[in-house]
Amino acid sequence: MATVDSIVLDLVDFLNASPTNFHAVDEAKRRLKQAGYVQLSEREDWVLESGKKYFFTRNQSTIIAFAIGKRYVAGNGFHIIGAHTDSPCLKLKPVSKVSKGGYLEVGVQTYGGGLWHTWFDRDLTIAGRLIKKEVKDGTTSYSQSLVRIEEPILRIPTLAIHLDRNVNEGFKFNTQSQLVPVLATSVKGELQKLLGQNGPSESSEKTSVDCKSHHPILLKLIADQAHCSPDEICDFELQLCDTQPSIIAGAMKEFIFSGRLDNLCMSFCALRALIDSTNADGSLGEESGVRMVALFDHEEVGSNSAQGAGSPAMFDALSRITKSFDSSDHRLLEKVIQRSFLVSADMAHGLHPNYIVCFFSFELYDLDKHEDNHQPKLHGGLVIKHNANQRYATNAVTAFIFRELAQRHNLPIQDFVVRNDVPCGSTIGPILASGVGIRTVDVGAPQLSMHSIREMCGVDDAKHSYEHFKAYFNEFTELDEKLVIDI
């Protein structure tokens, strides 16, 4: 049996520690601090030094980390990998209390473009963040706490085939009324009575979360995980999660089966590459630029938020870092942007074996979902994404840079163009390229089951992605000096 690379094992650990975007950022923070990165606050002034490493978070769901080369001077470029921390999921509604047919259910919202049928008949739980009230020495304060209920407490059951004889001809359901997870049966009234005796207490300060909005038994479970009482919970952002852990699988241990590969796989590879490219003594000694990873929230819903790629978050970071070294020249930032480069890293559509043209049966032609000359395969390396209509930001120059790095290190590389008769998705690449004006290439590791509750990718592609990103951080400055454009 083939041995599994340590990078892949570490990716699985990262996935299992990150059931939500908030947890992913928290895990990234832990790893960065362990590697000597210093946390900054956007609310405070920054005092930065060349040769040092820093990071900051926005909303605890976006994180930007950077390492400043020892030879850096204001006006030099930034070498950035951008990815996103969010994935399609079901999020609890502000008022989630639903009771139907003798069952206690939890109202949820659909977030992003998920394959919602895959959420049926899964063992589900809840994770996310909450704001809780703390009273100490007569002083009230409010803090954020991450929560994750480990055991399965929810399930969305399918209807028996006896009651829906045509289900195998097409599984259709209403996302408002039928995509509702079951929490408990109301016949267990004694539990509710017991909870009423030992649960939420009377408080002089009314909180915004109460038993009118959410089932008391659910609040009690959440409060136990947050080590507080239910009446200390002021508000929360929680989502449903699959309880099945991420694993290395397949007959040859060649796959990763997991939720949230899109896009935590690319987030991890970028983060680990940055840490490893800046960990060794002297690793920043010859670096004249700034190496950066930007992991954004809300990509799955368009990136238009205070912490999405459509926000000024990355531009603010470039500006503040530049001004920390020279605040006198207001023209520097325009030079910085033109000297910088962004790798937009988001998972790619791998070739599906069950949707390929069969030349012996012409009626299967419409099942082909990939353009004949652009069929990314698992274990085939990172995919460079192209689109003439700018759904991806790649051009010949930016593709060349990434392809050259692959050639230098004998790394496999693939190209992808969507079929002309199939709509093309997009990424944070065009958003940042057009909003900031930075040169951008769109890439990603190939995967199957994208946006399912349970996705899959190849272990080799995770390893190749990490190696490609690390080479980019280590060698971009030298490579870019040899490239002559717009002169």
Protein backbone atom coordinates (compact mmCIF):
# COMPACT_ATOMS: atom_id res chain seq x y z
CA MET A 1 0.00 0.00 0.00
CA ALA A 2 1.35 3.41 -0.95
CA THR A 3 2.48 5.67 1.88
CA VAL A 4 0.68 8.97 2.33
CA ASP A 5 2.68 12.19 2.19
CA SER A 6 2.84 14.23 5.40
CA ILE A 7 1.39 17.27 3.59
CA VAL A 8 -1.76 15.27 2.79
CA LEU A 9 -2.07 14.02 6.37
CA ASP A 10 -1.74 17.60 7.56
CA LEU A 11 -4.44 18.70 5.11
CA VAL A 12 -6.83 16.11 6.55
CA ASP A 13 -6.08 17.40 10.04
CA PHE A 14 -6.81 20.95 8.86
CA LEU A 15 -10.11 19.87 7.31
CA ASN A 16 -11.20 18.06 10.45
CA ALA A 17 -10.39 21.12 12.55
CA SER A 18 -12.41 23.39 10.25
CA PRO A 19 -16.14 22.55 10.13
CA THR A 20 -16.93 26.23 9.43
CA ASN A 21 -15.18 29.27 7.99
CA PHE A 22 -14.75 30.61 11.54
CA HIS A 23 -13.00 27.44 12.64
CA ALA A 24 -10.81 27.47 9.52
CA VAL A 25 -9.59 30.97 10.33
CA ASP A 26 -9.04 30.00 13.96
CA GLU A 27 -6.96 27.00 12.87
CA ALA A 28 -5.00 29.20 10.45
CA LYS A 29 -4.31 31.63 13.32
CA ARG A 30 -3.03 28.82 15.50
CA ARG A 31 -0.64 27.61 12.81
CA LEU A 32 0.62 31.09 12.00
CA LYS A 33 1.32 31.92 15.63
CA GLN A 34 3.15 28.63 16.01
CA ALA A 35 5.31 29.64 13.03
CA GLY A 36 6.20 32.99 14.57
CA TYR A 37 3.67 35.25 12.84
CA VAL A 38 2.52 38.22 14.93
CA GLN A 39 -1.16 39.14 15.03
CA LEU A 40 -2.09 42.71 14.09
CA SER A 41 -5.32 44.62 14.63
CA GLU A 42 -6.88 46.72 11.89
CA ARG A 43 -8.08 49.06 14.63
CA GLU A 44 -4.54 49.94 15.67
CA ASP A 45 -1.48 51.51 14.04
CA TRP A 46 0.95 49.07 12.49
CA VAL A 47 4.68 49.18 13.19
CA LEU A 48 6.25 46.71 10.77
CA GLU A 49 9.81 45.55 10.18
CA SER A 50 11.47 43.92 7.20
CA GLY A 51 12.22 40.25 7.75
CA LYS A 52 9.20 39.86 10.06
CA LYS A 53 5.91 37.97 9.69
CA TYR A 54 2.38 39.16 10.49
CA PHE A 55 -1.34 38.44 10.06
CA PHE A 56 -4.72 39.95 10.81
CA THR A 57 -8.31 38.77 10.67
CA ARG A 58 -11.51 40.48 9.64
CA ASN A 59 -14.78 39.23 11.17
CA GLN A 60 -12.93 36.08 12.23
CA SER A 61 -13.90 34.65 8.81
CA THR A 62 -11.21 36.29 6.62
CA ILE A 63 -7.49 36.12 7.35
CA ILE A 64 -4.54 37.81 5.62
CA ALA A 65 -0.99 36.75 6.48
CA PHE A 66 2.24 38.21 5.10
CA ALA A 67 6.00 37.96 5.43
CA ILE A 68 8.15 40.99 4.56
CA GLY A 69 11.47 40.30 2.83
CA LYS A 70 14.61 41.61 4.47
CA ARG A 71 15.47 43.50 1.28
CA TYR A 72 12.02 45.01 1.00
CA VAL A 73 11.66 48.74 0.40
CA ALA A 74 8.41 50.65 -0.01
CA GLY A 75 7.19 50.34 -3.58
CA ASN A 76 8.22 46.73 -4.10
CA GLY A 77 5.66 44.14 -5.13
CA PHE A 78 3.51 41.65 -3.27
CA HIS A 79 3.34 37.96 -4.18
CA ILE A 80 -0.12 36.82 -3.15
CA ILE A 81 -2.18 33.64 -3.13
CA GLY A 82 -5.89 34.24 -2.63
CA ALA A 83 -8.48 31.60 -1.70
CA HIS A 84 -11.69 31.43 0.32
CA THR A 85 -12.78 29.94 3.63
CA ASP A 86 -16.52 29.47 3.02
CA SER A 87 -18.36 26.54 1.45
CA PRO A 88 -22.02 25.91 0.53
CA CYS A 89 -23.94 24.88 3.63
CA LEU A 90 -27.20 25.17 5.55
CA LYS A 91 -27.26 28.00 8.10
CA LEU A 92 -29.64 28.39 11.01
CA LYS A 93 -32.32 31.03 10.55
CA PRO A 94 -32.56 33.88 13.11
CA VAL A 95 -35.75 32.22 14.29
CA SER A 96 -35.12 28.51 13.82
CA LYS A 97 -37.89 27.04 15.98
CA VAL A 98 -40.08 24.79 13.82
CA SER A 99 -42.64 22.27 15.10
CA LYS A 100 -44.51 20.01 12.66
CA GLY A 101 -46.31 16.70 13.00
CA GLY A 102 -45.03 15.98 16.48
CA TYR A 103 -41.40 16.77 15.61
CA LEU A 104 -39.07 19.53 16.73
CA GLU A 105 -37.23 20.81 13.67
CA VAL A 106 -34.66 23.50 12.93
CA GLY A 107 -35.25 26.11 10.23
CA VAL A 108 -32.26 26.64 7.94
CA GLN A 109 -31.23 28.90 5.06
CA THR A 110 -29.38 27.66 2.00
CA TYR A 111 -25.98 29.33 1.65
CA GLY A 112 -24.32 29.25 -1.77
CA GLY A 113 -25.03 26.86 -4.61
CA GLY A 114 -24.97 23.54 -2.80
CA LEU A 115 -25.99 20.11 -4.03
CA TRP A 116 -28.72 20.09 -1.42
CA HIS A 117 -29.95 16.56 -2.13
CA THR A 118 -26.66 15.29 -0.68
CA TRP A 119 -27.62 16.68 2.73
CA PHE A 120 -30.48 14.19 3.09
CA ASP A 121 -29.96 11.10 5.26
CA ARG A 122 -26.67 12.33 6.71
CA ASP A 123 -25.73 12.45 10.39
CA LEU A 124 -25.58 16.19 11.00
CA THR A 125 -24.50 18.51 13.77
CA ILE A 126 -24.06 22.24 14.37
CA ALA A 127 -20.98 24.47 14.53
CA GLY A 128 -20.13 28.15 14.22
CA ARG A 129 -19.70 31.12 16.52
CA LEU A 130 -21.73 32.84 19.18
CA ILE A 131 -21.60 36.07 21.13
CA LYS A 132 -21.94 35.52 24.84
CA LYS A 133 -22.37 37.85 27.80
CA GLU A 134 -19.96 37.69 30.69
CA VAL A 135 -20.49 39.47 34.02
CA LYS A 136 -17.46 39.81 36.30
CA ASP A 137 -17.13 42.09 39.33
CA GLY A 138 -20.30 43.89 38.30
CA THR A 139 -18.97 44.64 34.79
CA THR A 140 -20.63 43.23 31.69
CA SER A 141 -18.61 42.35 28.61
CA TYR A 142 -19.33 40.45 25.39
CA SER A 143 -17.03 38.00 23.65
CA GLN A 144 -17.00 35.63 20.70
CA SER A 145 -16.80 31.90 21.23
CA LEU A 146 -16.48 29.11 18.68
CA VAL A 147 -18.77 26.12 19.20
CA ARG A 148 -18.97 22.67 17.69
CA ILE A 149 -21.26 19.90 18.85
CA GLU A 150 -19.35 16.72 18.03
CA GLU A 151 -22.17 14.17 18.14
CA PRO A 152 -24.90 13.97 15.48
CA ILE A 153 -28.04 15.78 16.65
CA LEU A 154 -29.85 16.46 13.35
CA ARG A 155 -31.01 14.59 10.26
CA ILE A 156 -32.99 15.41 7.13
CA PRO A 157 -34.79 12.16 6.31
CA THR A 158 -35.91 11.29 2.81
CA LEU A 159 -39.44 10.08 2.08
CA ALA A 160 -39.88 6.30 1.71
CA ILE A 161 -39.99 5.12 -1.90
CA HIS A 162 -43.41 3.59 -1.18
CA LEU A 163 -44.75 7.13 -0.76
CA ASP A 164 -42.90 8.54 -3.79
CA ARG A 165 -42.74 5.88 -6.50
CA ASN A 166 -41.17 8.22 -9.07
CA VAL A 167 -38.31 9.42 -6.90
CA ASN A 168 -35.67 7.53 -8.89
CA GLU A 169 -36.74 9.39 -12.02
CA GLY A 170 -35.78 12.67 -10.37
CA PHE A 171 -35.42 13.62 -6.74
CA LYS A 172 -37.20 16.95 -6.33
CA PHE A 173 -37.95 18.75 -3.10
CA ASN A 174 -38.89 22.16 -1.76
CA THR A 175 -35.95 23.80 0.01
CA GLN A 176 -38.27 25.79 2.27
CA SER A 177 -40.58 23.06 3.54
CA GLN A 178 -38.73 19.78 2.95
CA LEU A 179 -35.07 20.66 3.56
CA VAL A 180 -35.70 20.94 7.31
CA PRO A 181 -33.61 18.89 9.77
CA VAL A 182 -35.25 16.94 12.60
CA LEU A 183 -33.93 17.67 16.09
CA ALA A 184 -36.24 15.65 18.36
CA THR A 185 -39.81 14.47 18.83
CA SER A 186 -42.17 16.67 20.78
CA VAL A 187 -43.54 13.57 22.52
CA LYS A 188 -40.40 13.70 24.67
CA GLY A 189 -42.08 16.47 26.62
CA GLU A 190 -40.42 15.46 29.84
CA LEU A 191 -37.10 16.61 28.42
CA GLN A 192 -38.58 20.04 27.80
CA LYS A 193 -39.98 20.16 31.32
CA LEU A 194 -36.62 19.20 32.77
CA LEU A 195 -34.93 21.83 30.64
CA GLY A 196 -37.41 24.42 31.83
CA GLN A 197 -36.45 23.61 35.42
CA ASN A 198 -32.68 23.64 34.89
CA GLY A 199 -32.25 25.70 31.74
CA PRO A 200 -32.55 29.39 30.92
CA SER A 201 -32.75 31.55 34.02
CA GLU A 202 -34.43 34.87 34.59
CA SER A 203 -32.06 37.74 33.83
CA SER A 204 -32.29 41.45 34.45
CA GLU A 205 -30.72 42.02 31.01
CA LYS A 206 -32.75 40.37 28.29
CA THR A 207 -30.65 38.71 25.63
CA SER A 208 -31.55 38.55 21.94
CA VAL A 209 -31.59 34.75 21.85
CA ASP A 210 -34.47 33.11 23.71
CA CYS A 211 -36.72 30.09 23.70
CA LYS A 212 -39.25 31.82 21.45
CA SER A 213 -36.73 31.87 18.60
CA HIS A 214 -35.02 28.52 19.12
CA HIS A 215 -35.87 25.22 20.77
CA PRO A 216 -34.71 25.22 24.43
CA ILE A 217 -33.07 21.83 24.00
CA LEU A 218 -30.97 23.23 21.13
CA LEU A 219 -29.94 26.27 23.15
CA LYS A 220 -28.93 24.00 26.04
CA LEU A 221 -26.72 21.90 23.75
CA ILE A 222 -25.06 25.01 22.33
CA ALA A 223 -24.56 26.58 25.76
CA ASP A 224 -22.95 23.41 27.12
CA GLN A 225 -20.38 23.53 24.32
CA ALA A 226 -19.71 27.23 24.95
CA HIS A 227 -19.38 26.65 28.72
CA CYS A 228 -22.07 29.15 29.55
CA SER A 229 -25.75 29.19 30.42
CA PRO A 230 -28.36 29.59 27.66
CA ASP A 231 -29.35 33.05 28.88
CA GLU A 232 -25.74 34.23 28.41
CA ILE A 233 -26.00 33.62 24.65
CA CYS A 234 -26.66 36.95 22.93
CA ASP A 235 -26.58 35.86 19.28
CA PHE A 236 -24.96 33.32 17.00
CA GLU A 237 -24.06 32.32 13.45
CA LEU A 238 -24.37 28.56 13.24
CA GLN A 239 -24.48 26.09 10.39
CA LEU A 240 -25.11 22.42 9.84
CA CYS A 241 -22.10 20.15 9.40
CA ASP A 242 -21.56 16.52 8.50
CA THR A 243 -20.20 14.50 11.42
CA GLN A 244 -18.29 12.07 9.21
CA PRO A 245 -14.61 13.01 9.40
CA SER A 246 -12.36 13.77 6.44
CA ILE A 247 -10.30 10.74 5.47
CA ILE A 248 -7.74 9.40 3.03
CA ALA A 249 -9.54 6.70 1.06
CA GLY A 250 -9.75 4.58 -2.05
CA ALA A 251 -8.32 1.14 -2.73
CA MET A 252 -4.87 2.68 -3.19
CA LYS A 253 -5.32 5.44 -0.61
CA GLU A 254 -5.19 7.92 -3.48
CA PHE A 255 -8.23 10.08 -2.65
CA ILE A 256 -9.36 12.48 0.02
CA PHE A 257 -13.04 12.16 0.92
CA SER A 258 -14.23 15.24 2.78
CA GLY A 259 -16.62 18.12 2.95
CA ARG A 260 -15.43 21.65 2.18
CA LEU A 261 -12.55 20.70 -0.12
CA ASP A 262 -13.85 23.65 -2.11
CA ASN A 263 -12.06 25.64 -0.97
CA LEU A 264 -10.27 24.62 2.20
CA CYS A 265 -7.91 22.42 0.19
CA MET A 266 -6.50 25.45 -1.63
CA SER A 267 -6.62 27.54 1.54
CA PHE A 268 -4.51 24.98 3.37
CA CYS A 269 -2.00 24.51 0.54
CA ALA A 270 -1.50 28.27 0.26
CA LEU A 271 -1.16 28.73 4.03
CA ARG A 272 1.23 25.81 4.48
CA ALA A 273 3.34 26.99 1.51
CA LEU A 274 3.64 30.48 3.00
CA ILE A 275 4.60 29.14 6.43
CA ASP A 276 7.15 26.69 5.06
CA SER A 277 8.67 29.22 2.65
CA THR A 278 9.28 31.62 5.54
CA ASN A 279 10.13 29.23 8.37
CA ALA A 280 13.82 28.57 7.82
CA ASP A 281 16.49 30.99 9.02
CA GLY A 282 17.47 33.20 6.13
CA SER A 283 14.40 32.31 4.07
CA LEU A 284 13.55 36.00 3.75
CA GLY A 285 17.16 37.17 3.50
CA GLU A 286 17.16 37.68 -0.28
CA GLU A 287 13.48 38.48 -0.62
CA SER A 288 12.74 42.03 -1.79
CA GLY A 289 8.97 41.65 -1.92
CA VAL A 290 6.16 40.70 0.45
CA ARG A 291 4.77 37.15 0.45
CA MET A 292 1.07 37.07 1.28
CA VAL A 293 -1.89 34.71 1.65
CA ALA A 294 -5.41 36.15 1.67
CA LEU A 295 -8.25 33.79 2.61
CA PHE A 296 -11.62 35.48 2.11
CA ASP A 297 -15.14 34.80 3.26
CA HIS A 298 -18.33 34.87 1.12
CA GLU A 299 -16.90 33.74 -2.21
CA GLU A 300 -19.76 31.28 -2.61
CA VAL A 301 -22.29 34.13 -2.59
CA GLY A 302 -20.48 36.71 -4.71
CA SER A 303 -17.79 38.14 -2.37
CA ASN A 304 -19.73 41.37 -1.77
CA SER A 305 -19.28 41.86 1.96
CA ALA A 306 -17.00 43.70 4.36
CA GLN A 307 -14.80 40.59 4.53
CA GLY A 308 -15.23 39.25 1.00
CA ALA A 309 -12.81 39.59 -1.92
CA GLY A 310 -15.01 42.43 -3.18
CA SER A 311 -14.17 44.45 -0.06
CA PRO A 312 -11.06 46.66 0.29
CA ALA A 313 -9.47 44.13 2.69
CA MET A 314 -6.53 43.14 0.49
CA PHE A 315 -6.05 46.64 -0.94
CA ASP A 316 -6.06 48.01 2.62
CA ALA A 317 -3.32 45.54 3.56
CA LEU A 318 -1.16 46.52 0.57
CA SER A 319 -1.63 50.18 1.37
CA ARG A 320 -0.93 49.92 5.09
CA ILE A 321 2.19 47.80 4.62
CA THR A 322 3.58 50.17 1.99
CA LYS A 323 2.85 53.26 4.08
CA SER A 324 4.44 51.67 7.13
CA PHE A 325 7.77 51.93 5.32
CA ASP A 326 7.16 55.21 3.46
CA SER A 327 4.14 57.42 4.00
CA SER A 328 5.51 60.43 2.11
CA ASP A 329 5.08 59.26 -1.49
CA HIS A 330 1.40 58.87 -2.35
CA ARG A 331 2.27 57.47 -5.79
CA LEU A 332 3.96 54.37 -4.43
CA LEU A 333 0.82 52.26 -4.26
CA GLU A 334 0.21 52.48 -8.01
CA LYS A 335 3.74 51.12 -8.56
CA VAL A 336 3.20 48.42 -5.95
CA ILE A 337 0.10 47.10 -7.71
CA GLN A 338 1.83 46.89 -11.08
CA ARG A 339 4.77 45.04 -9.51
CA SER A 340 2.53 42.57 -7.71
CA PHE A 341 1.01 39.24 -8.70
CA LEU A 342 -2.00 37.25 -7.49
CA VAL A 343 -2.62 33.53 -7.70
CA SER A 344 -6.37 33.02 -7.34
CA ALA A 345 -6.61 29.45 -6.04
CA ASP A 346 -9.99 27.74 -6.17
CA MET A 347 -10.77 24.08 -6.80
CA ALA A 348 -11.36 22.97 -10.40
CA HIS A 349 -13.81 20.58 -12.09
CA GLY A 350 -12.12 17.23 -12.60
CA LEU A 351 -13.15 14.93 -15.45
CA HIS A 352 -16.03 12.72 -14.29
CA PRO A 353 -15.76 9.11 -15.54
CA ASN A 354 -19.53 8.71 -15.84
CA TYR A 355 -20.02 11.79 -18.04
CA ILE A 356 -17.77 11.15 -21.03
CA VAL A 357 -18.71 10.82 -24.70
CA CYS A 358 -19.32 7.22 -25.69
CA PHE A 359 -18.42 6.90 -29.36
CA PHE A 360 -20.36 3.65 -29.63
CA SER A 361 -23.65 5.14 -28.46
CA PHE A 362 -24.42 8.50 -29.94
CA GLU A 363 -27.39 9.17 -27.68
CA LEU A 364 -24.95 9.63 -24.81
CA TYR A 365 -23.30 12.62 -26.45
CA ASP A 366 -25.14 15.16 -24.27
CA LEU A 367 -23.67 13.57 -21.16
CA ASP A 368 -20.23 14.92 -22.02
CA LYS A 369 -19.54 17.84 -19.68
CA HIS A 370 -15.97 18.72 -20.64
CA GLU A 371 -14.44 20.32 -23.70
CA ASP A 372 -12.54 17.67 -25.65
CA ASN A 373 -9.09 19.23 -25.28
CA HIS A 374 -9.50 20.43 -21.71
CA GLN A 375 -10.28 17.56 -19.37
CA PRO A 376 -8.53 17.96 -15.99
CA LYS A 377 -7.76 14.65 -14.36
CA LEU A 378 -7.16 13.77 -10.74
CA HIS A 379 -3.41 13.40 -10.04
CA GLY A 380 -2.76 15.60 -13.08
CA GLY A 381 -1.59 18.63 -11.12
CA LEU A 382 -2.91 22.14 -10.73
CA VAL A 383 -5.35 23.37 -13.37
CA ILE A 384 -4.84 26.76 -15.04
CA LYS A 385 -8.32 28.15 -15.73
CA HIS A 386 -8.99 30.18 -18.88
CA ASN A 387 -12.09 32.05 -20.05
CA ALA A 388 -12.24 34.53 -22.94
CA ASN A 389 -15.17 36.31 -21.27
CA GLN A 390 -13.12 37.02 -18.14
CA ARG A 391 -14.92 34.67 -15.80
CA TYR A 392 -11.33 33.74 -14.95
CA ALA A 393 -8.56 36.38 -14.87
CA THR A 394 -5.83 34.30 -16.53
CA ASN A 395 -3.99 35.67 -19.56
CA ALA A 396 -0.93 34.51 -21.51
CA VAL A 397 1.51 36.38 -19.28
CA THR A 398 0.10 35.18 -15.98
CA ALA A 399 -0.33 31.61 -17.23
CA PHE A 400 3.30 31.60 -18.46
CA ILE A 401 4.60 32.55 -15.01
CA PHE A 402 2.75 29.73 -13.33
CA ARG A 403 3.64 27.25 -16.07
CA GLU A 404 7.32 28.19 -15.87
CA LEU A 405 7.38 27.44 -12.15
CA ALA A 406 5.89 24.02 -12.85
CA GLN A 407 8.51 23.29 -15.50
CA ARG A 408 11.36 24.28 -13.19
CA HIS A 409 10.22 21.79 -10.57
CA ASN A 410 8.91 19.05 -12.87
CA LEU A 411 5.38 19.54 -11.58
CA PRO A 412 2.38 18.47 -13.67
CA ILE A 413 0.07 21.21 -14.93
CA GLN A 414 -3.27 21.16 -16.75
CA ASP A 415 -5.48 23.64 -18.62
CA PHE A 416 -9.22 24.11 -18.42
CA VAL A 417 -11.72 25.90 -20.65
CA VAL A 418 -15.44 25.35 -20.16
CA ARG A 419 -17.49 24.14 -23.11
CA ASN A 420 -19.13 26.89 -25.16
CA ASP A 421 -22.55 25.41 -24.44
CA VAL A 422 -22.04 25.23 -20.65
CA PRO A 423 -22.15 28.26 -18.30
CA CYS A 424 -18.82 29.14 -16.70
CA GLY A 425 -18.42 29.69 -12.99
CA SER A 426 -16.09 32.30 -11.57
CA THR A 427 -13.72 32.97 -8.67
CA ILE A 428 -12.23 35.80 -6.64
CA GLY A 429 -9.67 36.26 -9.44
CA PRO A 430 -11.65 38.62 -11.72
CA ILE A 431 -12.99 40.50 -8.68
CA LEU A 432 -9.51 41.31 -7.39
CA ALA A 433 -7.98 41.78 -10.83
CA SER A 434 -10.58 44.39 -11.78
CA GLY A 435 -10.95 45.96 -8.35
CA VAL A 436 -7.27 46.25 -7.46
CA GLY A 437 -5.67 46.13 -10.92
CA ILE A 438 -3.29 43.33 -10.04
CA ARG A 439 -1.97 40.70 -12.49
CA THR A 440 -3.82 37.47 -11.79
CA VAL A 441 -3.82 33.80 -12.74
CA ASP A 442 -6.72 31.50 -11.81
CA VAL A 443 -5.72 27.97 -10.80
CA GLY A 444 -7.06 25.08 -8.74
CA ALA A 445 -6.69 21.40 -7.97
CA PRO A 446 -9.19 19.12 -9.77
CA GLN A 447 -11.94 17.51 -7.74
CA LEU A 448 -15.21 15.60 -8.08
CA SER A 449 -18.56 16.12 -6.31
CA MET A 450 -17.98 19.87 -6.04
CA HIS A 451 -20.50 21.55 -3.69
CA SER A 452 -21.69 18.21 -2.35
CA ILE A 453 -21.73 17.64 1.40
CA ARG A 454 -19.02 15.05 0.66
CA GLU A 455 -16.42 15.84 -2.02
CA MET A 456 -13.31 14.07 -3.29
CA CYS A 457 -9.91 14.94 -4.75
CA GLY A 458 -6.55 13.25 -5.36
CA VAL A 459 -3.81 13.14 -2.75
CA ASP A 460 -1.16 13.85 -5.40
CA ASP A 461 -2.90 17.07 -6.41
CA ALA A 462 -2.83 18.38 -2.85
CA LYS A 463 0.89 17.67 -2.66
CA HIS A 464 1.55 19.19 -6.10
CA SER A 465 -0.46 22.28 -5.20
CA TYR A 466 1.56 22.82 -2.05
CA GLU A 467 4.85 22.37 -3.92
CA HIS A 468 3.73 24.71 -6.72
CA PHE A 469 2.67 27.42 -4.27
CA LYS A 470 5.89 27.10 -2.29
CA ALA A 471 7.95 27.45 -5.49
CA TYR A 472 5.92 30.55 -6.34
CA PHE A 473 6.76 32.19 -3.02
CA ASN A 474 10.43 31.27 -3.23
CA GLU A 475 11.08 32.15 -6.88
CA PHE A 476 8.58 34.71 -8.15
CA THR A 477 10.79 37.75 -7.45
CA GLU A 478 13.64 36.36 -9.53
CA LEU A 479 11.35 35.16 -12.33
CA ASP A 480 9.42 38.41 -12.58
CA GLU A 481 12.62 40.41 -13.05
CA LYS A 482 13.20 38.54 -16.31
CA LEU A 483 9.74 39.28 -17.72
CA VAL A 484 9.44 42.38 -19.88
CA ILE A 485 5.88 43.61 -20.58
CA ASP A 486 4.44 47.12 -21.24
CA ILE A 487 7.89 48.56 -21.98
